[in-house]
Amino acid sequence: MNDIQLIVNGADVRTDSRDLASLLDHRHRSIFANIKRYESELSALGIVRFEIARLKTERLGDREQSFALLNEDQCYFVLTLMRNNDCVVAAKLKLVQAFRDARSQLAARDIARVDGKAVRVAETGAISDLVSYAKARGSKSADMYFANVTKMTNKLLGIESGQRDSLDARKLNDIAILERIVANAISDGISAGMDYKDVYQLAKARCSMVLPAIGITNR
């Protein structure tokens, strides 16, 4: 029996009806027919998302396959339509475990986001200090440090632009670690009277040094 794959989009967690059919060792055509037949009942448990995939086959050429993305309650309703046997019972257990794990991961991510916001505020305050420090020493582009520090941490962690909102708890914690290091490095550099350009380089160097400790290499 295959493991179930869940699709997470923000707080919305769903499974593909094709994966559900595989988990149940049933034809997808039969599972999908039940979904269409009881669409109104399933809609009472949330929006039923129907999708179409284009498939390439040797015998029939290109064809389209309709499938559904079901939330947790909808999955369980579909399972109530099936007679219990060893396969169905095992599938129910796997679904309960998969959705439970997904909820735990989402909760951990939300906690990491809340903690990360406090760290981000501290880092932003430190960058503001660096901007003022650099301007007082003649910098004409000191405001760029706000964007440059974010780009620097993203690059070190392998995060693409615009990707932060979809990161898991572990990656959010990695960001918080580097942001704390940046804030401390800026404070140390300014206190030591370093050149503002060297303060930025100090923050970058300290962040780079800690990467192996959090399991990141070759950045």
N, C-alpha and C. Protein backbone atom coordinates (compact mmCIF):
# COMPACT_ATOMS: atom_id res chain seq x y z
N MET A 1 0.85 -1.20 0.00
CA MET A 1 0.00 0.00 0.00
C MET A 1 0.88 1.24 0.00
N ASN A 2 0.56 2.21 -0.84
CA ASN A 2 1.34 3.44 -0.93
C ASN A 2 1.05 4.36 0.24
N ASP A 3 2.03 5.22 0.58
CA ASP A 3 1.79 6.26 1.56
C ASP A 3 0.98 7.37 0.91
N ILE A 4 0.16 8.04 1.69
CA ILE A 4 -0.67 9.12 1.17
C ILE A 4 0.13 10.40 1.11
N GLN A 5 -0.02 11.15 0.06
CA GLN A 5 0.64 12.43 -0.11
C GLN A 5 -0.40 13.54 0.06
N LEU A 6 -0.12 14.46 0.97
CA LEU A 6 -1.03 15.57 1.20
C LEU A 6 -0.51 16.82 0.50
N ILE A 7 -1.44 17.66 0.08
CA ILE A 7 -1.11 18.91 -0.59
C ILE A 7 -1.44 20.04 0.37
N VAL A 8 -0.43 20.80 0.76
CA VAL A 8 -0.61 21.87 1.74
C VAL A 8 -0.49 23.21 1.04
N ASN A 9 -1.52 24.03 1.17
CA ASN A 9 -1.52 25.38 0.62
C ASN A 9 -1.99 26.33 1.71
N GLY A 10 -1.03 26.96 2.38
CA GLY A 10 -1.37 27.76 3.54
C GLY A 10 -1.89 26.86 4.64
N ALA A 11 -3.11 27.12 5.11
CA ALA A 11 -3.72 26.27 6.14
C ALA A 11 -4.63 25.21 5.52
N ASP A 12 -4.72 25.18 4.20
CA ASP A 12 -5.59 24.24 3.50
C ASP A 12 -4.80 22.96 3.19
N VAL A 13 -5.26 21.84 3.74
CA VAL A 13 -4.59 20.55 3.54
C VAL A 13 -5.54 19.61 2.82
N ARG A 14 -5.09 19.05 1.71
CA ARG A 14 -5.95 18.18 0.89
C ARG A 14 -5.18 16.99 0.37
N THR A 15 -5.93 16.02 -0.11
CA THR A 15 -5.32 14.88 -0.79
C THR A 15 -5.95 14.72 -2.17
N ASP A 16 -5.18 14.24 -3.08
CA ASP A 16 -5.61 14.01 -4.46
C ASP A 16 -6.44 12.72 -4.51
N SER A 17 -7.56 12.77 -5.17
CA SER A 17 -8.42 11.57 -5.25
C SER A 17 -7.70 10.42 -5.93
N ARG A 18 -6.73 10.71 -6.80
CA ARG A 18 -5.96 9.64 -7.45
C ARG A 18 -5.08 8.93 -6.44
N ASP A 19 -4.48 9.71 -5.52
CA ASP A 19 -3.67 9.11 -4.45
C ASP A 19 -4.55 8.31 -3.50
N LEU A 20 -5.74 8.83 -3.24
CA LEU A 20 -6.67 8.13 -2.36
C LEU A 20 -7.06 6.79 -2.97
N ALA A 21 -7.30 6.78 -4.27
CA ALA A 21 -7.65 5.53 -4.95
C ALA A 21 -6.51 4.52 -4.86
N SER A 22 -5.29 5.02 -5.04
CA SER A 22 -4.12 4.14 -4.94
C SER A 22 -3.98 3.58 -3.53
N LEU A 23 -4.21 4.43 -2.54
CA LEU A 23 -4.11 4.00 -1.15
C LEU A 23 -5.14 2.91 -0.85
N LEU A 24 -6.32 3.05 -1.44
CA LEU A 24 -7.41 2.09 -1.21
C LEU A 24 -7.34 0.88 -2.13
N ASP A 25 -6.39 0.91 -3.06
CA ASP A 25 -6.27 -0.16 -4.05
C ASP A 25 -7.55 -0.32 -4.86
N HIS A 26 -8.13 0.84 -5.24
CA HIS A 26 -9.34 0.89 -6.06
C HIS A 26 -9.05 1.66 -7.35
N ARG A 27 -9.88 1.42 -8.34
CA ARG A 27 -9.78 2.23 -9.55
C ARG A 27 -10.18 3.67 -9.24
N HIS A 28 -9.42 4.60 -9.78
CA HIS A 28 -9.75 6.01 -9.55
C HIS A 28 -11.12 6.33 -10.14
N ARG A 29 -11.44 5.69 -11.25
CA ARG A 29 -12.73 5.95 -11.90
C ARG A 29 -13.88 5.72 -10.92
N SER A 30 -13.79 4.67 -10.10
CA SER A 30 -14.86 4.36 -9.14
C SER A 30 -14.89 5.37 -8.01
N ILE A 31 -13.72 5.72 -7.50
CA ILE A 31 -13.64 6.71 -6.41
C ILE A 31 -14.18 8.05 -6.90
N PHE A 32 -13.77 8.46 -8.08
CA PHE A 32 -14.20 9.76 -8.60
C PHE A 32 -15.70 9.77 -8.87
N ALA A 33 -16.25 8.65 -9.33
CA ALA A 33 -17.69 8.56 -9.57
C ALA A 33 -18.46 8.77 -8.27
N ASN A 34 -17.96 8.21 -7.17
CA ASN A 34 -18.61 8.41 -5.87
C ASN A 34 -18.53 9.87 -5.44
N ILE A 35 -17.39 10.49 -5.71
CA ILE A 35 -17.23 11.91 -5.35
C ILE A 35 -18.24 12.76 -6.11
N LYS A 36 -18.41 12.50 -7.40
CA LYS A 36 -19.37 13.25 -8.20
C LYS A 36 -20.81 12.96 -7.75
N ARG A 37 -21.06 11.70 -7.43
CA ARG A 37 -22.41 11.32 -7.02
C ARG A 37 -22.82 12.02 -5.73
N TYR A 38 -21.87 12.16 -4.80
CA TYR A 38 -22.18 12.77 -3.50
C TYR A 38 -21.57 14.16 -3.37
N GLU A 39 -21.47 14.84 -4.50
CA GLU A 39 -20.84 16.16 -4.49
C GLU A 39 -21.56 17.14 -3.56
N SER A 40 -22.87 17.10 -3.53
CA SER A 40 -23.60 18.05 -2.68
C SER A 40 -23.32 17.79 -1.20
N GLU A 41 -23.25 16.51 -0.81
CA GLU A 41 -22.92 16.18 0.58
C GLU A 41 -21.49 16.59 0.91
N LEU A 42 -20.58 16.35 -0.01
CA LEU A 42 -19.18 16.73 0.21
C LEU A 42 -19.03 18.25 0.30
N SER A 43 -19.84 18.97 -0.47
CA SER A 43 -19.77 20.43 -0.46
C SER A 43 -20.18 21.01 0.89
N ALA A 44 -20.98 20.25 1.65
CA ALA A 44 -21.35 20.70 2.99
C ALA A 44 -20.15 20.67 3.93
N LEU A 45 -19.10 19.97 3.53
CA LEU A 45 -17.89 19.85 4.36
C LEU A 45 -16.77 20.77 3.85
N GLY A 46 -17.09 21.62 2.89
CA GLY A 46 -16.09 22.51 2.32
C GLY A 46 -16.15 22.48 0.81
N ILE A 47 -15.46 23.41 0.18
CA ILE A 47 -15.43 23.46 -1.28
C ILE A 47 -14.71 22.23 -1.83
N VAL A 48 -15.35 21.56 -2.76
CA VAL A 48 -14.71 20.43 -3.44
C VAL A 48 -13.97 20.98 -4.65
N ARG A 49 -12.68 20.82 -4.66
CA ARG A 49 -11.86 21.35 -5.76
C ARG A 49 -11.67 20.28 -6.83
N PHE A 50 -12.22 20.53 -8.01
CA PHE A 50 -12.05 19.62 -9.13
C PHE A 50 -10.96 20.16 -10.06
N GLU A 51 -10.11 19.27 -10.51
CA GLU A 51 -9.00 19.65 -11.39
C GLU A 51 -8.98 18.71 -12.58
N ILE A 52 -8.24 19.12 -13.62
CA ILE A 52 -8.06 18.29 -14.82
C ILE A 52 -6.57 18.19 -15.12
N ALA A 53 -6.11 16.98 -15.31
CA ALA A 53 -4.70 16.74 -15.65
C ALA A 53 -4.63 16.20 -17.07
N ARG A 54 -3.60 16.61 -17.80
CA ARG A 54 -3.39 16.08 -19.14
C ARG A 54 -2.39 14.94 -19.07
N LEU A 55 -2.79 13.77 -19.57
CA LEU A 55 -1.96 12.59 -19.51
C LEU A 55 -1.50 12.19 -20.91
N LYS A 56 -0.30 11.64 -20.97
CA LYS A 56 0.22 11.09 -22.23
C LYS A 56 0.24 9.58 -22.12
N THR A 57 -0.42 8.90 -23.04
CA THR A 57 -0.43 7.44 -23.03
C THR A 57 0.00 6.93 -24.40
N GLU A 58 0.60 5.75 -24.41
CA GLU A 58 1.08 5.16 -25.68
C GLU A 58 -0.08 4.71 -26.56
N ARG A 59 -1.11 4.13 -25.95
CA ARG A 59 -2.22 3.58 -26.74
C ARG A 59 -3.22 4.64 -27.17
N LEU A 60 -3.57 5.53 -26.23
CA LEU A 60 -4.65 6.48 -26.51
C LEU A 60 -4.16 7.89 -26.80
N GLY A 61 -2.86 8.11 -26.72
CA GLY A 61 -2.33 9.45 -26.96
C GLY A 61 -2.66 10.38 -25.79
N ASP A 62 -2.70 11.66 -26.06
CA ASP A 62 -3.02 12.62 -25.00
C ASP A 62 -4.49 12.51 -24.61
N ARG A 63 -4.73 12.55 -23.30
CA ARG A 63 -6.11 12.56 -22.83
C ARG A 63 -6.18 13.34 -21.52
N GLU A 64 -7.38 13.72 -21.14
CA GLU A 64 -7.57 14.48 -19.91
C GLU A 64 -8.16 13.57 -18.83
N GLN A 65 -7.72 13.80 -17.60
CA GLN A 65 -8.24 13.04 -16.47
C GLN A 65 -8.73 14.01 -15.40
N SER A 66 -9.98 13.87 -15.02
CA SER A 66 -10.54 14.69 -13.95
C SER A 66 -10.23 14.05 -12.61
N PHE A 67 -9.95 14.88 -11.62
CA PHE A 67 -9.72 14.38 -10.27
C PHE A 67 -10.17 15.44 -9.28
N ALA A 68 -10.19 15.08 -8.02
CA ALA A 68 -10.65 16.01 -6.98
C ALA A 68 -9.59 16.14 -5.90
N LEU A 69 -9.53 17.32 -5.30
CA LEU A 69 -8.68 17.55 -4.14
C LEU A 69 -9.59 17.69 -2.93
N LEU A 70 -9.47 16.75 -2.01
CA LEU A 70 -10.40 16.64 -0.89
C LEU A 70 -9.75 17.06 0.42
N ASN A 71 -10.53 17.77 1.26
CA ASN A 71 -10.02 18.09 2.58
C ASN A 71 -10.20 16.87 3.50
N GLU A 72 -9.79 17.02 4.75
CA GLU A 72 -9.80 15.88 5.67
C GLU A 72 -11.21 15.31 5.85
N ASP A 73 -12.18 16.16 6.15
CA ASP A 73 -13.55 15.68 6.37
C ASP A 73 -14.11 15.01 5.13
N GLN A 74 -13.82 15.56 3.97
CA GLN A 74 -14.32 14.99 2.72
C GLN A 74 -13.72 13.61 2.48
N CYS A 75 -12.44 13.45 2.81
CA CYS A 75 -11.80 12.13 2.67
C CYS A 75 -12.51 11.10 3.54
N TYR A 76 -12.77 11.48 4.79
CA TYR A 76 -13.41 10.53 5.69
C TYR A 76 -14.84 10.21 5.24
N PHE A 77 -15.53 11.18 4.67
CA PHE A 77 -16.88 10.91 4.18
C PHE A 77 -16.82 9.89 3.03
N VAL A 78 -15.87 10.09 2.11
CA VAL A 78 -15.72 9.14 1.00
C VAL A 78 -15.46 7.74 1.55
N LEU A 79 -14.66 7.64 2.61
CA LEU A 79 -14.35 6.33 3.18
C LEU A 79 -15.57 5.68 3.84
N THR A 80 -16.50 6.51 4.34
CA THR A 80 -17.71 5.93 4.93
C THR A 80 -18.58 5.26 3.88
N LEU A 81 -18.38 5.60 2.63
CA LEU A 81 -19.16 5.01 1.55
C LEU A 81 -18.65 3.62 1.16
N MET A 82 -17.52 3.22 1.76
CA MET A 82 -16.89 1.96 1.39
C MET A 82 -17.02 0.96 2.53
N ARG A 83 -17.18 -0.29 2.16
CA ARG A 83 -17.27 -1.35 3.17
C ARG A 83 -15.89 -1.59 3.76
N ASN A 84 -15.85 -1.74 5.07
CA ASN A 84 -14.57 -1.97 5.73
C ASN A 84 -13.97 -3.32 5.34
N ASN A 85 -12.71 -3.31 4.98
CA ASN A 85 -11.90 -4.52 4.84
C ASN A 85 -10.50 -4.15 5.32
N ASP A 86 -9.58 -5.05 5.26
CA ASP A 86 -8.24 -4.77 5.77
C ASP A 86 -7.61 -3.56 5.09
N CYS A 87 -7.80 -3.46 3.77
CA CYS A 87 -7.20 -2.36 3.01
C CYS A 87 -7.81 -1.02 3.39
N VAL A 88 -9.14 -0.99 3.50
CA VAL A 88 -9.83 0.26 3.84
C VAL A 88 -9.47 0.70 5.25
N VAL A 89 -9.43 -0.22 6.18
CA VAL A 89 -9.06 0.11 7.57
C VAL A 89 -7.64 0.66 7.63
N ALA A 90 -6.73 0.01 6.90
CA ALA A 90 -5.35 0.48 6.88
C ALA A 90 -5.26 1.87 6.25
N ALA A 91 -6.07 2.12 5.22
CA ALA A 91 -6.08 3.43 4.57
C ALA A 91 -6.59 4.50 5.52
N LYS A 92 -7.63 4.17 6.28
CA LYS A 92 -8.17 5.12 7.26
C LYS A 92 -7.09 5.51 8.28
N LEU A 93 -6.34 4.52 8.74
CA LEU A 93 -5.28 4.79 9.72
C LEU A 93 -4.22 5.70 9.12
N LYS A 94 -3.82 5.42 7.89
CA LYS A 94 -2.79 6.25 7.24
C LYS A 94 -3.28 7.68 7.05
N LEU A 95 -4.55 7.83 6.70
CA LEU A 95 -5.10 9.18 6.51
C LEU A 95 -5.15 9.94 7.83
N VAL A 96 -5.60 9.28 8.90
CA VAL A 96 -5.63 9.92 10.21
C VAL A 96 -4.23 10.38 10.61
N GLN A 97 -3.24 9.52 10.41
CA GLN A 97 -1.87 9.86 10.77
C GLN A 97 -1.33 11.00 9.90
N ALA A 98 -1.61 10.95 8.60
CA ALA A 98 -1.09 11.96 7.68
C ALA A 98 -1.68 13.34 7.99
N PHE A 99 -2.99 13.40 8.19
CA PHE A 99 -3.61 14.69 8.50
C PHE A 99 -3.18 15.20 9.88
N ARG A 100 -3.02 14.29 10.84
CA ARG A 100 -2.53 14.69 12.17
C ARG A 100 -1.14 15.30 12.07
N ASP A 101 -0.26 14.64 11.31
CA ASP A 101 1.11 15.15 11.15
C ASP A 101 1.10 16.51 10.45
N ALA A 102 0.22 16.65 9.46
CA ALA A 102 0.13 17.93 8.73
C ALA A 102 -0.31 19.05 9.66
N ARG A 103 -1.29 18.76 10.53
CA ARG A 103 -1.76 19.77 11.47
C ARG A 103 -0.65 20.16 12.44
N SER A 104 0.13 19.18 12.89
CA SER A 104 1.25 19.46 13.80
C SER A 104 2.29 20.35 13.14
N GLN A 105 2.58 20.06 11.86
CA GLN A 105 3.56 20.85 11.13
C GLN A 105 3.07 22.28 10.92
N LEU A 106 1.78 22.43 10.63
CA LEU A 106 1.22 23.77 10.45
C LEU A 106 1.26 24.56 11.76
N ALA A 107 0.97 23.88 12.86
CA ALA A 107 1.01 24.55 14.17
C ALA A 107 2.43 24.99 14.50
N ALA A 108 3.40 24.12 14.22
CA ALA A 108 4.81 24.48 14.47
C ALA A 108 5.24 25.64 13.60
N ARG A 109 4.76 25.65 12.35
CA ARG A 109 5.09 26.76 11.45
C ARG A 109 4.51 28.07 11.96
N ASP A 110 3.26 28.03 12.45
CA ASP A 110 2.63 29.25 12.94
C ASP A 110 3.35 29.80 14.17
N ILE A 111 3.78 28.88 15.05
CA ILE A 111 4.54 29.31 16.23
C ILE A 111 5.86 29.94 15.81
N ALA A 112 6.52 29.31 14.84
CA ALA A 112 7.80 29.85 14.35
C ALA A 112 7.61 31.22 13.72
N ARG A 113 6.48 31.45 13.06
CA ARG A 113 6.21 32.75 12.45
C ARG A 113 6.03 33.82 13.52
N VAL A 114 5.30 33.48 14.58
CA VAL A 114 5.10 34.44 15.66
C VAL A 114 6.43 34.80 16.31
N ASP A 115 7.24 33.78 16.62
CA ASP A 115 8.56 34.03 17.21
C ASP A 115 9.44 34.82 16.25
N GLY A 116 9.34 34.48 14.96
CA GLY A 116 10.18 35.14 13.97
C GLY A 116 9.86 36.62 13.82
N LYS A 117 8.59 36.99 14.02
CA LYS A 117 8.21 38.40 13.90
C LYS A 117 8.91 39.24 14.96
N ALA A 118 9.03 38.70 16.18
CA ALA A 118 9.71 39.44 17.25
C ALA A 118 11.19 39.61 16.92
N VAL A 119 11.80 38.56 16.37
CA VAL A 119 13.21 38.64 15.98
C VAL A 119 13.39 39.63 14.84
N ARG A 120 12.45 39.61 13.90
CA ARG A 120 12.52 40.51 12.75
C ARG A 120 12.45 41.97 13.20
N VAL A 121 11.62 42.25 14.20
CA VAL A 121 11.52 43.61 14.72
C VAL A 121 12.87 44.06 15.29
N ALA A 122 13.52 43.17 16.03
CA ALA A 122 14.83 43.49 16.61
C ALA A 122 15.86 43.73 15.51
N GLU A 123 15.84 42.87 14.49
CA GLU A 123 16.80 43.03 13.39
C GLU A 123 16.55 44.33 12.63
N THR A 124 15.28 44.63 12.38
CA THR A 124 14.95 45.86 11.66
C THR A 124 15.43 47.08 12.43
N GLY A 125 15.29 47.03 13.76
CA GLY A 125 15.79 48.13 14.58
C GLY A 125 17.30 48.27 14.45
N ALA A 126 18.00 47.14 14.42
CA ALA A 126 19.46 47.19 14.28
C ALA A 126 19.86 47.73 12.90
N ILE A 127 19.12 47.32 11.86
CA ILE A 127 19.43 47.83 10.52
C ILE A 127 19.18 49.33 10.46
N SER A 128 18.11 49.78 11.10
CA SER A 128 17.84 51.23 11.16
C SER A 128 19.02 51.97 11.80
N ASP A 129 19.58 51.38 12.85
CA ASP A 129 20.76 51.98 13.50
C ASP A 129 21.93 52.03 12.52
N LEU A 130 22.10 50.94 11.74
CA LEU A 130 23.19 50.92 10.76
C LEU A 130 22.98 51.96 9.68
N VAL A 131 21.74 52.13 9.23
CA VAL A 131 21.44 53.13 8.21
C VAL A 131 21.79 54.53 8.72
N SER A 132 21.37 54.84 9.92
CA SER A 132 21.68 56.15 10.51
C SER A 132 23.19 56.31 10.68
N TYR A 133 23.84 55.26 11.13
CA TYR A 133 25.29 55.26 11.35
C TYR A 133 26.02 55.52 10.03
N ALA A 134 25.56 54.84 8.95
CA ALA A 134 26.21 54.99 7.65
C ALA A 134 25.97 56.39 7.07
N LYS A 135 24.76 56.89 7.22
CA LYS A 135 24.45 58.23 6.70
C LYS A 135 25.28 59.29 7.40
N ALA A 136 25.49 59.14 8.69
CA ALA A 136 26.29 60.10 9.44
C ALA A 136 27.75 60.10 9.00
N ARG A 137 28.13 59.01 8.32
CA ARG A 137 29.51 58.89 7.82
C ARG A 137 29.59 59.06 6.32
N GLY A 138 28.55 59.65 5.74
CA GLY A 138 28.61 60.05 4.35
C GLY A 138 28.00 59.12 3.34
N SER A 139 27.39 58.02 3.76
CA SER A 139 26.80 57.09 2.80
C SER A 139 25.59 57.71 2.12
N LYS A 140 25.51 57.55 0.80
CA LYS A 140 24.39 58.07 0.02
C LYS A 140 23.35 56.98 -0.29
N SER A 141 23.68 55.75 0.02
CA SER A 141 22.77 54.64 -0.31
C SER A 141 22.52 53.74 0.89
N ALA A 142 22.59 54.32 2.09
CA ALA A 142 22.46 53.52 3.31
C ALA A 142 21.11 52.82 3.42
N ASP A 143 20.05 53.41 2.85
CA ASP A 143 18.72 52.80 2.95
C ASP A 143 18.67 51.42 2.28
N MET A 144 19.60 51.15 1.40
CA MET A 144 19.64 49.85 0.72
C MET A 144 19.96 48.70 1.67
N TYR A 145 20.44 49.01 2.87
CA TYR A 145 20.78 47.94 3.80
C TYR A 145 19.54 47.12 4.19
N PHE A 146 18.37 47.74 4.22
CA PHE A 146 17.16 46.97 4.55
C PHE A 146 16.96 45.83 3.55
N ALA A 147 17.05 46.15 2.26
CA ALA A 147 16.88 45.12 1.22
C ALA A 147 18.10 44.20 1.14
N ASN A 148 19.29 44.77 1.29
CA ASN A 148 20.51 43.98 1.13
C ASN A 148 20.66 42.91 2.21
N VAL A 149 20.28 43.25 3.44
CA VAL A 149 20.39 42.26 4.52
C VAL A 149 19.42 41.11 4.27
N THR A 150 18.20 41.42 3.84
CA THR A 150 17.23 40.36 3.53
C THR A 150 17.72 39.48 2.39
N LYS A 151 18.27 40.11 1.34
CA LYS A 151 18.80 39.33 0.22
C LYS A 151 19.95 38.46 0.67
N MET A 152 20.78 38.99 1.55
CA MET A 152 21.92 38.23 2.04
C MET A 152 21.49 36.99 2.81
N THR A 153 20.53 37.15 3.73
CA THR A 153 20.07 35.99 4.51
C THR A 153 19.34 35.00 3.61
N ASN A 154 18.55 35.49 2.68
CA ASN A 154 17.86 34.59 1.75
C ASN A 154 18.85 33.76 0.94
N LYS A 155 19.90 34.41 0.45
CA LYS A 155 20.89 33.71 -0.37
C LYS A 155 21.63 32.67 0.45
N LEU A 156 22.01 33.01 1.67
CA LEU A 156 22.73 32.06 2.52
C LEU A 156 21.88 30.84 2.84
N LEU A 157 20.57 31.04 2.97
CA LEU A 157 19.67 29.94 3.33
C LEU A 157 19.05 29.25 2.12
N GLY A 158 19.37 29.76 0.93
CA GLY A 158 18.81 29.15 -0.28
C GLY A 158 17.34 29.42 -0.47
N ILE A 159 16.89 30.60 -0.05
CA ILE A 159 15.47 30.97 -0.15
C ILE A 159 15.27 31.89 -1.35
N GLU A 160 14.31 31.56 -2.20
CA GLU A 160 14.02 32.39 -3.35
C GLU A 160 13.21 33.61 -2.92
N SER A 161 13.28 34.66 -3.71
CA SER A 161 12.51 35.87 -3.43
C SER A 161 11.02 35.56 -3.40
N GLY A 162 10.31 36.05 -2.39
CA GLY A 162 8.88 35.84 -2.28
C GLY A 162 8.48 34.49 -1.71
N GLN A 163 9.46 33.72 -1.24
CA GLN A 163 9.19 32.36 -0.79
C GLN A 163 8.94 32.27 0.72
N ARG A 164 9.21 33.34 1.46
CA ARG A 164 9.17 33.25 2.92
C ARG A 164 7.81 32.87 3.48
N ASP A 165 6.73 33.27 2.82
CA ASP A 165 5.39 32.99 3.34
C ASP A 165 5.02 31.51 3.27
N SER A 166 5.75 30.74 2.49
CA SER A 166 5.42 29.32 2.33
C SER A 166 6.43 28.39 2.99
N LEU A 167 7.31 28.92 3.83
CA LEU A 167 8.35 28.11 4.43
C LEU A 167 7.83 27.31 5.61
N ASP A 168 8.48 26.18 5.89
CA ASP A 168 8.09 25.37 7.04
C ASP A 168 8.75 25.90 8.30
N ALA A 169 8.42 25.28 9.44
CA ALA A 169 8.89 25.77 10.74
C ALA A 169 10.41 25.75 10.83
N ARG A 170 11.04 24.71 10.30
CA ARG A 170 12.50 24.60 10.40
C ARG A 170 13.19 25.75 9.68
N LYS A 171 12.71 26.05 8.47
CA LYS A 171 13.34 27.13 7.70
C LYS A 171 13.08 28.48 8.36
N LEU A 172 11.90 28.66 8.93
CA LEU A 172 11.60 29.90 9.63
C LEU A 172 12.51 30.07 10.84
N ASN A 173 12.80 28.96 11.52
CA ASN A 173 13.73 29.02 12.64
C ASN A 173 15.14 29.36 12.19
N ASP A 174 15.54 28.84 11.02
CA ASP A 174 16.85 29.18 10.46
C ASP A 174 16.96 30.69 10.18
N ILE A 175 15.88 31.24 9.63
CA ILE A 175 15.85 32.69 9.37
C ILE A 175 16.01 33.46 10.67
N ALA A 176 15.28 33.03 11.71
CA ALA A 176 15.35 33.73 13.00
C ALA A 176 16.76 33.69 13.58
N ILE A 177 17.45 32.55 13.41
CA ILE A 177 18.82 32.44 13.90
C ILE A 177 19.72 33.47 13.23
N LEU A 178 19.62 33.56 11.89
CA LEU A 178 20.48 34.51 11.17
C LEU A 178 20.09 35.95 11.49
N GLU A 179 18.82 36.20 11.67
CA GLU A 179 18.40 37.58 11.98
C GLU A 179 18.90 38.02 13.35
N ARG A 180 18.94 37.09 14.30
CA ARG A 180 19.52 37.42 15.61
C ARG A 180 21.01 37.73 15.47
N ILE A 181 21.69 36.92 14.66
CA ILE A 181 23.13 37.13 14.45
C ILE A 181 23.38 38.48 13.79
N VAL A 182 22.57 38.83 12.80
CA VAL A 182 22.70 40.12 12.12
C VAL A 182 22.53 41.27 13.12
N ALA A 183 21.49 41.19 13.93
CA ALA A 183 21.23 42.26 14.90
C ALA A 183 22.39 42.42 15.87
N ASN A 184 22.93 41.29 16.36
CA ASN A 184 24.04 41.36 17.31
C ASN A 184 25.31 41.87 16.64
N ALA A 185 25.55 41.44 15.40
CA ALA A 185 26.76 41.87 14.69
C ALA A 185 26.73 43.37 14.41
N ILE A 186 25.58 43.88 14.02
CA ILE A 186 25.45 45.32 13.77
C ILE A 186 25.71 46.10 15.05
N SER A 187 25.11 45.64 16.15
CA SER A 187 25.32 46.31 17.43
C SER A 187 26.79 46.30 17.83
N ASP A 188 27.44 45.13 17.65
CA ASP A 188 28.86 45.02 18.00
C ASP A 188 29.73 45.91 17.12
N GLY A 189 29.43 45.93 15.82
CA GLY A 189 30.23 46.72 14.89
C GLY A 189 30.12 48.21 15.13
N ILE A 190 28.89 48.66 15.39
CA ILE A 190 28.69 50.09 15.67
C ILE A 190 29.37 50.47 16.99
N SER A 191 29.23 49.61 18.00
CA SER A 191 29.87 49.90 19.30
C SER A 191 31.38 49.97 19.17
N ALA A 192 31.94 49.18 18.25
CA ALA A 192 33.39 49.18 18.06
C ALA A 192 33.87 50.30 17.15
N GLY A 193 32.93 51.08 16.59
CA GLY A 193 33.30 52.18 15.72
C GLY A 193 33.82 51.75 14.37
N MET A 194 33.42 50.57 13.91
CA MET A 194 33.89 50.07 12.62
C MET A 194 33.31 50.89 11.47
N ASP A 195 33.94 50.86 10.32
CA ASP A 195 33.39 51.46 9.11
C ASP A 195 32.06 50.77 8.79
N TYR A 196 31.06 51.52 8.35
CA TYR A 196 29.73 50.94 8.14
C TYR A 196 29.74 49.80 7.14
N LYS A 197 30.61 49.88 6.14
CA LYS A 197 30.69 48.78 5.17
C LYS A 197 31.22 47.51 5.84
N ASP A 198 32.15 47.70 6.78
CA ASP A 198 32.71 46.55 7.49
C ASP A 198 31.70 45.96 8.47
N VAL A 199 30.78 46.79 8.98
CA VAL A 199 29.74 46.28 9.87
C VAL A 199 28.85 45.29 9.11
N TYR A 200 28.48 45.65 7.90
CA TYR A 200 27.67 44.75 7.07
C TYR A 200 28.44 43.45 6.79
N GLN A 201 29.72 43.58 6.46
CA GLN A 201 30.53 42.39 6.17
C GLN A 201 30.69 41.52 7.42
N LEU A 202 30.75 42.15 8.60
CA LEU A 202 30.83 41.38 9.84
C LEU A 202 29.56 40.55 10.02
N ALA A 203 28.41 41.16 9.77
CA ALA A 203 27.15 40.42 9.89
C ALA A 203 27.11 39.26 8.91
N LYS A 204 27.53 39.49 7.69
CA LYS A 204 27.53 38.43 6.67
C LYS A 204 28.48 37.31 7.05
N ALA A 205 29.67 37.68 7.56
CA ALA A 205 30.67 36.66 7.93
C ALA A 205 30.17 35.80 9.09
N ARG A 206 29.56 36.43 10.08
CA ARG A 206 29.05 35.65 11.22
C ARG A 206 27.92 34.72 10.80
N CYS A 207 27.06 35.20 9.93
CA CYS A 207 25.98 34.34 9.42
C CYS A 207 26.55 33.15 8.65
N SER A 208 27.55 33.40 7.84
CA SER A 208 28.16 32.33 7.05
C SER A 208 28.81 31.28 7.95
N MET A 209 29.39 31.74 9.05
CA MET A 209 30.08 30.82 9.96
C MET A 209 29.12 29.86 10.65
N VAL A 210 27.88 30.30 10.88
CA VAL A 210 26.95 29.46 11.62
C VAL A 210 26.20 28.47 10.73
N LEU A 211 26.28 28.63 9.41
CA LEU A 211 25.52 27.77 8.50
C LEU A 211 25.76 26.27 8.72
N PRO A 212 27.02 25.81 8.85
CA PRO A 212 27.21 24.37 9.07
C PRO A 212 26.53 23.86 10.34
N ALA A 213 26.43 24.71 11.35
CA ALA A 213 25.81 24.30 12.61
C ALA A 213 24.32 24.05 12.46
N ILE A 214 23.68 24.69 11.47
CA ILE A 214 22.25 24.47 11.25
C ILE A 214 22.01 23.58 10.02
N GLY A 215 23.08 22.92 9.59
CA GLY A 215 22.95 21.90 8.54
C GLY A 215 22.95 22.44 7.13
N ILE A 216 23.54 23.62 6.90
CA ILE A 216 23.58 24.21 5.56
C ILE A 216 25.03 24.38 5.14
N THR A 217 25.35 23.90 3.96
CA THR A 217 26.71 23.99 3.44
C THR A 217 26.69 24.51 2.01
N ASN A 218 27.86 24.90 1.54
CA ASN A 218 28.05 25.32 0.14
C ASN A 218 27.19 26.49 -0.26
N ARG A 219 27.13 27.51 0.59
CA ARG A 219 26.40 28.73 0.23
C ARG A 219 27.41 29.84 -0.05
